[in-house]
Amino acid sequence: TCALNHHDVWSLRGVGLPADRLPMVLGCDGAGVDPDGNEVLVHAV
């Protein structure tokens, strides 16, 4: 799973994400499985 934040909309508006880094996969929230099979949260900083 992953989740949406206002940060993602601001990125599409051109705030905080330089245009020369496009294309850029959006998103700061995520949870899933690591290579060892552990269920994890992803820290975005």
All heavy atoms as atom14 arrays in JSON, in Angstrom:
{
  "sequence": "TCALNHHDVWSLRGVGLPADRLPMVLGCDGAGVDPDGNEVLVHAV",
  "atom14_mask": [
    [1, 1, 1, 1, 1, 1, 1, 0, 0, 0, 0, 0, 0, 0],
    [1, 1, 1, 1, 1, 1, 0, 0, 0, 0, 0, 0, 0, 0],
    [1, 1, 1, 1, 1, 0, 0, 0, 0, 0, 0, 0, 0, 0],
    [1, 1, 1, 1, 1, 1, 1, 1, 0, 0, 0, 0, 0, 0],
    [1, 1, 1, 1, 1, 1, 1, 1, 0, 0, 0, 0, 0, 0],
    [1, 1, 1, 1, 1, 1, 1, 1, 1, 1, 0, 0, 0, 0],
    [1, 1, 1, 1, 1, 1, 1, 1, 1, 1, 0, 0, 0, 0],
    [1, 1, 1, 1, 1, 1, 1, 1, 0, 0, 0, 0, 0, 0],
    [1, 1, 1, 1, 1, 1, 1, 0, 0, 0, 0, 0, 0, 0],
    [1, 1, 1, 1, 1, 1, 1, 1, 1, 1, 1, 1, 1, 1],
    [1, 1, 1, 1, 1, 1, 0, 0, 0, 0, 0, 0, 0, 0],
    [1, 1, 1, 1, 1, 1, 1, 1, 0, 0, 0, 0, 0, 0],
    [1, 1, 1, 1, 1, 1, 1, 1, 1, 1, 1, 0, 0, 0],
    [1, 1, 1, 1, 0, 0, 0, 0, 0, 0, 0, 0, 0, 0],
    [1, 1, 1, 1, 1, 1, 1, 0, 0, 0, 0, 0, 0, 0],
    [1, 1, 1, 1, 0, 0, 0, 0, 0, 0, 0, 0, 0, 0],
    [1, 1, 1, 1, 1, 1, 1, 1, 0, 0, 0, 0, 0, 0],
    [1, 1, 1, 1, 1, 1, 1, 0, 0, 0, 0, 0, 0, 0],
    [1, 1, 1, 1, 1, 0, 0, 0, 0, 0, 0, 0, 0, 0],
    [1, 1, 1, 1, 1, 1, 1, 1, 0, 0, 0, 0, 0, 0],
    [1, 1, 1, 1, 1, 1, 1, 1, 1, 1, 1, 0, 0, 0],
    [1, 1, 1, 1, 1, 1, 1, 1, 0, 0, 0, 0, 0, 0],
    [1, 1, 1, 1, 1, 1, 1, 0, 0, 0, 0, 0, 0, 0],
    [1, 1, 1, 1, 1, 1, 1, 1, 0, 0, 0, 0, 0, 0],
    [1, 1, 1, 1, 1, 1, 1, 0, 0, 0, 0, 0, 0, 0],
    [1, 1, 1, 1, 1, 1, 1, 1, 0, 0, 0, 0, 0, 0],
    [1, 1, 1, 1, 0, 0, 0, 0, 0, 0, 0, 0, 0, 0],
    [1, 1, 1, 1, 1, 1, 0, 0, 0, 0, 0, 0, 0, 0],
    [1, 1, 1, 1, 1, 1, 1, 1, 0, 0, 0, 0, 0, 0],
    [1, 1, 1, 1, 0, 0, 0, 0, 0, 0, 0, 0, 0, 0],
    [1, 1, 1, 1, 1, 0, 0, 0, 0, 0, 0, 0, 0, 0],
    [1, 1, 1, 1, 0, 0, 0, 0, 0, 0, 0, 0, 0, 0],
    [1, 1, 1, 1, 1, 1, 1, 0, 0, 0, 0, 0, 0, 0],
    [1, 1, 1, 1, 1, 1, 1, 1, 0, 0, 0, 0, 0, 0],
    [1, 1, 1, 1, 1, 1, 1, 0, 0, 0, 0, 0, 0, 0],
    [1, 1, 1, 1, 1, 1, 1, 1, 0, 0, 0, 0, 0, 0],
    [1, 1, 1, 1, 0, 0, 0, 0, 0, 0, 0, 0, 0, 0],
    [1, 1, 1, 1, 1, 1, 1, 1, 0, 0, 0, 0, 0, 0],
    [1, 1, 1, 1, 1, 1, 1, 1, 1, 0, 0, 0, 0, 0],
    [1, 1, 1, 1, 1, 1, 1, 0, 0, 0, 0, 0, 0, 0],
    [1, 1, 1, 1, 1, 1, 1, 1, 0, 0, 0, 0, 0, 0],
    [1, 1, 1, 1, 1, 1, 1, 0, 0, 0, 0, 0, 0, 0],
    [1, 1, 1, 1, 1, 1, 1, 1, 1, 1, 0, 0, 0, 0],
    [1, 1, 1, 1, 1, 0, 0, 0, 0, 0, 0, 0, 0, 0],
    [1, 1, 1, 1, 1, 1, 1, 0, 0, 0, 0, 0, 0, 0]
  ],
  "atom14_positions": [
    [[0.85, -1.19, 0.0], [0.0, 0.0, 0.0], [0.88, 1.24, 0.0], [2.04, 1.21, 0.42], [-0.9, 0.05, 1.26], [-0.09, -0.16, 2.42], [-2.0, -0.98, 1.2], [0.0, 0.0, 0.0], [0.0, 0.0, 0.0], [0.0, 0.0, 0.0], [0.0, 0.0, 0.0], [0.0, 0.0, 0.0], [0.0, 0.0, 0.0], [0.0, 0.0, 0.0]],
    [[0.32, 2.33, -0.48], [0.97, 3.63, -0.44], [-0.14, 4.66, -0.28], [-1.31, 4.35, -0.44], [1.8, 3.88, -1.7], [1.0, 3.43, -3.27], [0.0, 0.0, 0.0], [0.0, 0.0, 0.0], [0.0, 0.0, 0.0], [0.0, 0.0, 0.0], [0.0, 0.0, 0.0], [0.0, 0.0, 0.0], [0.0, 0.0, 0.0], [0.0, 0.0, 0.0]],
    [[0.22, 5.88, 0.08], [-0.81, 6.86, 0.39], [-0.44, 8.23, -0.16], [0.73, 8.53, -0.39], [-1.06, 6.94, 1.89], [0.0, 0.0, 0.0], [0.0, 0.0, 0.0], [0.0, 0.0, 0.0], [0.0, 0.0, 0.0], [0.0, 0.0, 0.0], [0.0, 0.0, 0.0], [0.0, 0.0, 0.0], [0.0, 0.0, 0.0], [0.0, 0.0, 0.0]],
    [[-1.46, 9.04, -0.33], [-1.34, 10.35, -0.97], [-1.18, 11.44, 0.08], [-1.75, 11.38, 1.16], [-2.59, 10.61, -1.81], [-2.64, 11.86, -2.69], [-1.54, 11.84, -3.74], [-4.01, 11.93, -3.37], [0.0, 0.0, 0.0], [0.0, 0.0, 0.0], [0.0, 0.0, 0.0], [0.0, 0.0, 0.0], [0.0, 0.0, 0.0], [0.0, 0.0, 0.0]],
    [[-0.38, 12.46, -0.26], [-0.19, 13.63, 0.59], [-0.31, 14.9, -0.25], [-0.11, 14.88, -1.47], [1.19, 13.6, 1.25], [1.31, 12.53, 2.3], [0.81, 12.68, 3.41], [1.98, 11.44, 1.97], [0.0, 0.0, 0.0], [0.0, 0.0, 0.0], [0.0, 0.0, 0.0], [0.0, 0.0, 0.0], [0.0, 0.0, 0.0], [0.0, 0.0, 0.0]],
    [[-0.59, 16.02, 0.42], [-0.59, 17.3, -0.28], [0.77, 17.58, -0.92], [0.85, 18.27, -1.94], [-0.97, 18.44, 0.67], [-2.44, 18.55, 0.91], [-3.31, 19.05, -0.04], [-3.21, 18.22, 1.97], [-4.55, 19.03, 0.43], [-4.51, 18.52, 1.66], [0.0, 0.0, 0.0], [0.0, 0.0, 0.0], [0.0, 0.0, 0.0], [0.0, 0.0, 0.0]],
    [[1.82, 17.03, -0.35], [3.16, 17.18, -0.92], [3.19, 16.73, -2.37], [3.86, 17.34, -3.22], [4.16, 16.37, -0.08], [5.57, 16.45, -0.55], [6.1, 15.61, -1.51], [6.58, 17.28, -0.2], [7.35, 15.91, -1.73], [7.68, 16.92, -0.94], [0.0, 0.0, 0.0], [0.0, 0.0, 0.0], [0.0, 0.0, 0.0], [0.0, 0.0, 0.0]],
    [[2.43, 15.67, -2.69], [2.41, 15.15, -4.06], [1.74, 16.13, -5.01], [2.18, 16.3, -6.16], [1.7, 13.8, -4.09], [2.34, 12.8, -3.13], [3.57, 12.67, -3.17], [1.61, 12.19, -2.34], [0.0, 0.0, 0.0], [0.0, 0.0, 0.0], [0.0, 0.0, 0.0], [0.0, 0.0, 0.0], [0.0, 0.0, 0.0], [0.0, 0.0, 0.0]],
    [[0.68, 16.78, -4.54], [0.01, 17.78, -5.38], [0.9, 19.0, -5.56], [0.99, 19.56, -6.66], [-1.35, 18.16, -4.76], [-2.0, 19.29, -5.56], [-2.28, 16.96, -4.73], [0.0, 0.0, 0.0], [0.0, 0.0, 0.0], [0.0, 0.0, 0.0], [0.0, 0.0, 0.0], [0.0, 0.0, 0.0], [0.0, 0.0, 0.0], [0.0, 0.0, 0.0]],
    [[1.58, 19.42, -4.48], [2.5, 20.56, -4.61], [3.61, 20.25, -5.61], [4.04, 21.13, -6.37], [3.1, 20.92, -3.24], [2.15, 21.63, -2.34], [1.61, 21.18, -1.16], [1.58, 22.95, -2.52], [0.76, 22.11, -0.63], [0.73, 23.2, -1.43], [1.73, 23.92, -3.51], [0.02, 24.4, -1.29], [1.02, 25.11, -3.38], [0.18, 25.34, -2.28]],
    [[4.09, 19.01, -5.63], [5.12, 18.64, -6.6], [4.61, 18.82, -8.02], [5.32, 19.31, -8.91], [5.55, 17.19, -6.37], [6.2, 17.04, -5.12], [0.0, 0.0, 0.0], [0.0, 0.0, 0.0], [0.0, 0.0, 0.0], [0.0, 0.0, 0.0], [0.0, 0.0, 0.0], [0.0, 0.0, 0.0], [0.0, 0.0, 0.0], [0.0, 0.0, 0.0]],
    [[3.35, 18.44, -8.25], [2.76, 18.62, -9.59], [2.52, 20.09, -9.91], [2.46, 20.48, -11.08], [1.43, 17.86, -9.67], [1.54, 16.33, -9.7], [0.17, 15.69, -9.5], [2.15, 15.87, -11.02], [0.0, 0.0, 0.0], [0.0, 0.0, 0.0], [0.0, 0.0, 0.0], [0.0, 0.0, 0.0], [0.0, 0.0, 0.0], [0.0, 0.0, 0.0]],
    [[2.41, 20.92, -8.88], [2.27, 22.36, -9.09], [3.61, 23.06, -9.32], [3.66, 24.24, -9.61], [1.55, 23.01, -7.9], [0.1, 22.6, -7.72], [-0.58, 23.43, -6.64], [-1.92, 22.97, -6.32], [-3.02, 23.3, -7.0], [-2.92, 24.08, -8.07], [-4.21, 22.84, -6.63], [0.0, 0.0, 0.0], [0.0, 0.0, 0.0], [0.0, 0.0, 0.0]],
    [[4.71, 22.33, -9.11], [6.02, 22.91, -9.32], [6.68, 23.44, -8.08], [7.67, 24.19, -8.16], [0.0, 0.0, 0.0], [0.0, 0.0, 0.0], [0.0, 0.0, 0.0], [0.0, 0.0, 0.0], [0.0, 0.0, 0.0], [0.0, 0.0, 0.0], [0.0, 0.0, 0.0], [0.0, 0.0, 0.0], [0.0, 0.0, 0.0], [0.0, 0.0, 0.0]],
    [[6.18, 23.06, -6.9], [6.73, 23.53, -5.63], [7.56, 22.41, -4.99], [7.05, 21.33, -4.71], [5.61, 23.96, -4.66], [6.2, 24.4, -3.32], [4.77, 25.06, -5.27], [0.0, 0.0, 0.0], [0.0, 0.0, 0.0], [0.0, 0.0, 0.0], [0.0, 0.0, 0.0], [0.0, 0.0, 0.0], [0.0, 0.0, 0.0], [0.0, 0.0, 0.0]],
    [[8.85, 22.67, -4.77], [9.71, 21.73, -4.08], [10.34, 20.65, -4.95], [11.23, 19.94, -4.49], [0.0, 0.0, 0.0], [0.0, 0.0, 0.0], [0.0, 0.0, 0.0], [0.0, 0.0, 0.0], [0.0, 0.0, 0.0], [0.0, 0.0, 0.0], [0.0, 0.0, 0.0], [0.0, 0.0, 0.0], [0.0, 0.0, 0.0], [0.0, 0.0, 0.0]],
    [[9.89, 20.52, -6.17], [10.44, 19.51, -7.09], [10.93, 20.22, -8.34], [10.12, 20.66, -9.17], [9.37, 18.47, -7.44], [9.76, 17.42, -8.49], [10.94, 16.58, -8.0], [8.57, 16.52, -8.82], [0.0, 0.0, 0.0], [0.0, 0.0, 0.0], [0.0, 0.0, 0.0], [0.0, 0.0, 0.0], [0.0, 0.0, 0.0], [0.0, 0.0, 0.0]],
    [[12.26, 20.35, -8.52], [12.78, 21.02, -9.72], [12.36, 20.3, -10.99], [12.35, 19.06, -11.05], [14.29, 20.98, -9.52], [14.49, 20.81, -8.04], [13.33, 19.97, -7.59], [0.0, 0.0, 0.0], [0.0, 0.0, 0.0], [0.0, 0.0, 0.0], [0.0, 0.0, 0.0], [0.0, 0.0, 0.0], [0.0, 0.0, 0.0], [0.0, 0.0, 0.0]],
    [[12.04, 21.06, -12.02], [11.57, 20.48, -13.27], [12.62, 19.59, -13.93], [12.27, 18.65, -14.66], [11.14, 21.59, -14.23], [0.0, 0.0, 0.0], [0.0, 0.0, 0.0], [0.0, 0.0, 0.0], [0.0, 0.0, 0.0], [0.0, 0.0, 0.0], [0.0, 0.0, 0.0], [0.0, 0.0, 0.0], [0.0, 0.0, 0.0], [0.0, 0.0, 0.0]],
    [[13.91, 19.85, -13.66], [14.94, 19.05, -14.3], [15.06, 17.64, -13.71], [15.84, 16.83, -14.21], [16.3, 19.77, -14.27], [16.8, 20.05, -12.85], [16.16, 19.59, -11.89], [17.83, 20.73, -12.73], [0.0, 0.0, 0.0], [0.0, 0.0, 0.0], [0.0, 0.0, 0.0], [0.0, 0.0, 0.0], [0.0, 0.0, 0.0], [0.0, 0.0, 0.0]],
    [[14.28, 17.34, -12.65], [14.29, 15.99, -12.08], [13.14, 15.14, -12.6], [12.99, 13.98, -12.21], [14.23, 16.07, -10.55], [15.47, 16.7, -9.94], [15.38, 16.74, -8.43], [16.5, 17.49, -7.85], [16.59, 17.88, -6.6], [15.59, 17.59, -5.75], [17.64, 18.55, -6.16], [0.0, 0.0, 0.0], [0.0, 0.0, 0.0], [0.0, 0.0, 0.0]],
    [[12.31, 15.7, -13.47], [11.2, 14.93, -14.04], [11.72, 13.99, -15.11], [12.7, 14.29, -15.79], [10.16, 15.9, -14.63], [9.55, 16.91, -13.65], [8.56, 17.79, -14.38], [8.89, 16.22, -12.47], [0.0, 0.0, 0.0], [0.0, 0.0, 0.0], [0.0, 0.0, 0.0], [0.0, 0.0, 0.0], [0.0, 0.0, 0.0], [0.0, 0.0, 0.0]],
    [[11.06, 12.85, -15.33], [9.9, 12.35, -14.58], [10.3, 11.85, -13.2], [11.4, 11.32, -13.01], [9.39, 11.21, -15.46], [10.61, 10.73, -16.17], [11.46, 11.95, -16.41], [0.0, 0.0, 0.0], [0.0, 0.0, 0.0], [0.0, 0.0, 0.0], [0.0, 0.0, 0.0], [0.0, 0.0, 0.0], [0.0, 0.0, 0.0], [0.0, 0.0, 0.0]],
    [[9.4, 12.01, -12.24], [9.65, 11.6, -10.85], [8.45, 10.84, -10.31], [7.31, 11.33, -10.38], [9.88, 12.83, -9.98], [10.06, 12.53, -8.49], [11.56, 11.59, -8.11], [12.8, 12.89, -8.31], [0.0, 0.0, 0.0], [0.0, 0.0, 0.0], [0.0, 0.0, 0.0], [0.0, 0.0, 0.0], [0.0, 0.0, 0.0], [0.0, 0.0, 0.0]],
    [[8.7, 9.64, -9.8], [7.65, 8.9, -9.12], [7.3, 9.63, -7.83], [8.18, 9.96, -7.03], [8.08, 7.46, -8.81], [6.98, 6.72, -8.04], [8.41, 6.71, -10.1], [0.0, 0.0, 0.0], [0.0, 0.0, 0.0], [0.0, 0.0, 0.0], [0.0, 0.0, 0.0], [0.0, 0.0, 0.0], [0.0, 0.0, 0.0], [0.0, 0.0, 0.0]],
    [[6.02, 9.91, -7.63], [5.57, 10.67, -6.47], [5.39, 9.76, -5.26], [5.49, 8.55, -5.37], [4.27, 11.39, -6.81], [4.36, 12.38, -7.98], [2.98, 12.85, -8.41], [5.25, 13.57, -7.61], [0.0, 0.0, 0.0], [0.0, 0.0, 0.0], [0.0, 0.0, 0.0], [0.0, 0.0, 0.0], [0.0, 0.0, 0.0], [0.0, 0.0, 0.0]],
    [[5.12, 10.37, -4.1], [4.76, 9.59, -2.92], [5.82, 9.55, -1.83], [7.01, 9.37, -2.1], [0.0, 0.0, 0.0], [0.0, 0.0, 0.0], [0.0, 0.0, 0.0], [0.0, 0.0, 0.0], [0.0, 0.0, 0.0], [0.0, 0.0, 0.0], [0.0, 0.0, 0.0], [0.0, 0.0, 0.0], [0.0, 0.0, 0.0], [0.0, 0.0, 0.0]],
    [[5.35, 9.72, -0.58], [6.2, 9.62, 0.61], [5.75, 8.52, 1.56], [6.51, 8.15, 2.47], [6.21, 10.95, 1.38], [6.73, 12.38, 0.43], [0.0, 0.0, 0.0], [0.0, 0.0, 0.0], [0.0, 0.0, 0.0], [0.0, 0.0, 0.0], [0.0, 0.0, 0.0], [0.0, 0.0, 0.0], [0.0, 0.0, 0.0], [0.0, 0.0, 0.0]],
    [[4.53, 8.03, 1.42], [3.98, 7.03, 2.31], [4.0, 5.65, 1.66], [3.53, 5.51, 0.53], [2.51, 7.35, 2.65], [2.37, 8.48, 3.65], [3.27, 8.65, 4.48], [1.36, 9.18, 3.6], [0.0, 0.0, 0.0], [0.0, 0.0, 0.0], [0.0, 0.0, 0.0], [0.0, 0.0, 0.0], [0.0, 0.0, 0.0], [0.0, 0.0, 0.0]],
    [[4.49, 4.65, 2.39], [4.44, 3.31, 1.84], [4.66, 2.24, 2.89], [5.33, 2.47, 3.9], [0.0, 0.0, 0.0], [0.0, 0.0, 0.0], [0.0, 0.0, 0.0], [0.0, 0.0, 0.0], [0.0, 0.0, 0.0], [0.0, 0.0, 0.0], [0.0, 0.0, 0.0], [0.0, 0.0, 0.0], [0.0, 0.0, 0.0], [0.0, 0.0, 0.0]],
    [[4.1, 1.06, 2.65], [4.3, -0.1, 3.5], [4.36, -1.33, 2.6], [3.62, -1.43, 1.62], [3.17, -0.24, 4.52], [0.0, 0.0, 0.0], [0.0, 0.0, 0.0], [0.0, 0.0, 0.0], [0.0, 0.0, 0.0], [0.0, 0.0, 0.0], [0.0, 0.0, 0.0], [0.0, 0.0, 0.0], [0.0, 0.0, 0.0], [0.0, 0.0, 0.0]],
    [[5.26, -2.24, 2.95], [5.41, -3.41, 2.1], [6.32, -4.44, 2.7], [6.45, -4.54, 3.93], [0.0, 0.0, 0.0], [0.0, 0.0, 0.0], [0.0, 0.0, 0.0], [0.0, 0.0, 0.0], [0.0, 0.0, 0.0], [0.0, 0.0, 0.0], [0.0, 0.0, 0.0], [0.0, 0.0, 0.0], [0.0, 0.0, 0.0], [0.0, 0.0, 0.0]],
    [[7.0, -5.22, 1.84], [7.83, -6.34, 2.26], [9.24, -6.13, 1.76], [9.46, -5.84, 0.57], [7.25, -7.66, 1.72], [8.13, -8.84, 2.13], [5.82, -7.86, 2.2], [0.0, 0.0, 0.0], [0.0, 0.0, 0.0], [0.0, 0.0, 0.0], [0.0, 0.0, 0.0], [0.0, 0.0, 0.0], [0.0, 0.0, 0.0], [0.0, 0.0, 0.0]],
    [[10.23, -6.26, 2.68], [11.63, -6.06, 2.28], [12.19, -7.34, 1.66], [11.51, -8.38, 1.62], [12.46, -5.56, 3.47], [12.74, -6.63, 4.52], [12.42, -7.82, 4.29], [13.3, -6.28, 5.57], [0.0, 0.0, 0.0], [0.0, 0.0, 0.0], [0.0, 0.0, 0.0], [0.0, 0.0, 0.0], [0.0, 0.0, 0.0], [0.0, 0.0, 0.0]],
    [[13.44, -7.32, 1.15], [13.98, -8.5, 0.47], [14.09, -9.74, 1.35], [14.18, -10.86, 0.84], [15.36, -8.03, 0.02], [15.25, -6.55, -0.11], [14.32, -6.15, 0.99], [0.0, 0.0, 0.0], [0.0, 0.0, 0.0], [0.0, 0.0, 0.0], [0.0, 0.0, 0.0], [0.0, 0.0, 0.0], [0.0, 0.0, 0.0], [0.0, 0.0, 0.0]],
    [[14.07, -9.55, 2.69], [14.15, -10.7, 3.6], [12.78, -11.21, 4.02], [12.68, -12.1, 4.88], [14.95, -10.3, 4.85], [16.38, -9.89, 4.52], [16.99, -10.55, 3.65], [16.87, -8.91, 5.12], [0.0, 0.0, 0.0], [0.0, 0.0, 0.0], [0.0, 0.0, 0.0], [0.0, 0.0, 0.0], [0.0, 0.0, 0.0], [0.0, 0.0, 0.0]],
    [[11.72, -10.63, 3.45], [10.37, -11.08, 3.77], [9.75, -10.4, 4.97], [8.66, -10.8, 5.4], [0.0, 0.0, 0.0], [0.0, 0.0, 0.0], [0.0, 0.0, 0.0], [0.0, 0.0, 0.0], [0.0, 0.0, 0.0], [0.0, 0.0, 0.0], [0.0, 0.0, 0.0], [0.0, 0.0, 0.0], [0.0, 0.0, 0.0], [0.0, 0.0, 0.0]],
    [[10.4, -9.37, 5.51], [9.86, -8.65, 6.66], [8.83, -7.61, 6.23], [9.03, -6.92, 5.23], [10.98, -7.94, 7.42], [12.05, -8.89, 7.9], [11.76, -9.86, 8.57], [13.3, -8.62, 7.53], [0.0, 0.0, 0.0], [0.0, 0.0, 0.0], [0.0, 0.0, 0.0], [0.0, 0.0, 0.0], [0.0, 0.0, 0.0], [0.0, 0.0, 0.0]],
    [[7.74, -7.5, 6.99], [6.75, -6.46, 6.73], [7.24, -5.15, 7.35], [7.58, -5.11, 8.54], [5.4, -6.86, 7.32], [4.82, -8.11, 6.65], [3.43, -8.47, 7.16], [2.98, -7.87, 8.16], [2.8, -9.36, 6.54], [0.0, 0.0, 0.0], [0.0, 0.0, 0.0], [0.0, 0.0, 0.0], [0.0, 0.0, 0.0], [0.0, 0.0, 0.0]],
    [[7.28, -4.09, 6.55], [7.93, -2.85, 6.99], [7.12, -1.62, 6.59], [6.33, -1.63, 5.65], [9.35, -2.73, 6.39], [10.26, -3.83, 6.91], [9.3, -2.73, 4.86], [0.0, 0.0, 0.0], [0.0, 0.0, 0.0], [0.0, 0.0, 0.0], [0.0, 0.0, 0.0], [0.0, 0.0, 0.0], [0.0, 0.0, 0.0], [0.0, 0.0, 0.0]],
    [[7.36, -0.54, 7.36], [6.98, 0.81, 6.97], [8.19, 1.47, 6.36], [9.32, 1.22, 6.77], [6.52, 1.63, 8.18], [5.44, 1.06, 9.09], [5.2, 1.99, 10.27], [4.17, 0.86, 8.31], [0.0, 0.0, 0.0], [0.0, 0.0, 0.0], [0.0, 0.0, 0.0], [0.0, 0.0, 0.0], [0.0, 0.0, 0.0], [0.0, 0.0, 0.0]],
    [[7.97, 2.36, 5.4], [9.05, 3.09, 4.75], [9.12, 4.49, 5.34], [8.16, 5.26, 5.26], [8.84, 3.16, 3.22], [9.91, 4.04, 2.58], [8.89, 1.75, 2.63], [0.0, 0.0, 0.0], [0.0, 0.0, 0.0], [0.0, 0.0, 0.0], [0.0, 0.0, 0.0], [0.0, 0.0, 0.0], [0.0, 0.0, 0.0], [0.0, 0.0, 0.0]],
    [[10.27, 4.81, 5.94], [10.51, 6.17, 6.44], [11.02, 7.01, 5.27], [12.0, 6.66, 4.61], [11.53, 6.13, 7.56], [11.89, 7.46, 8.13], [10.96, 8.44, 8.41], [13.11, 8.0, 8.47], [11.58, 9.51, 8.91], [12.87, 9.26, 8.94], [0.0, 0.0, 0.0], [0.0, 0.0, 0.0], [0.0, 0.0, 0.0], [0.0, 0.0, 0.0]],
    [[10.36, 8.15, 5.02], [10.58, 8.9, 3.78], [11.69, 9.94, 3.85], [12.06, 10.5, 2.82], [9.28, 9.57, 3.35], [0.0, 0.0, 0.0], [0.0, 0.0, 0.0], [0.0, 0.0, 0.0], [0.0, 0.0, 0.0], [0.0, 0.0, 0.0], [0.0, 0.0, 0.0], [0.0, 0.0, 0.0], [0.0, 0.0, 0.0], [0.0, 0.0, 0.0]],
    [[12.22, 10.26, 5.04], [13.26, 11.28, 5.15], [14.61, 10.63, 4.88], [15.04, 9.74, 5.61], [13.25, 11.94, 6.54], [14.3, 13.04, 6.61], [11.87, 12.49, 6.87], [0.0, 0.0, 0.0], [0.0, 0.0, 0.0], [0.0, 0.0, 0.0], [0.0, 0.0, 0.0], [0.0, 0.0, 0.0], [0.0, 0.0, 0.0], [0.0, 0.0, 0.0]]
  ]
}
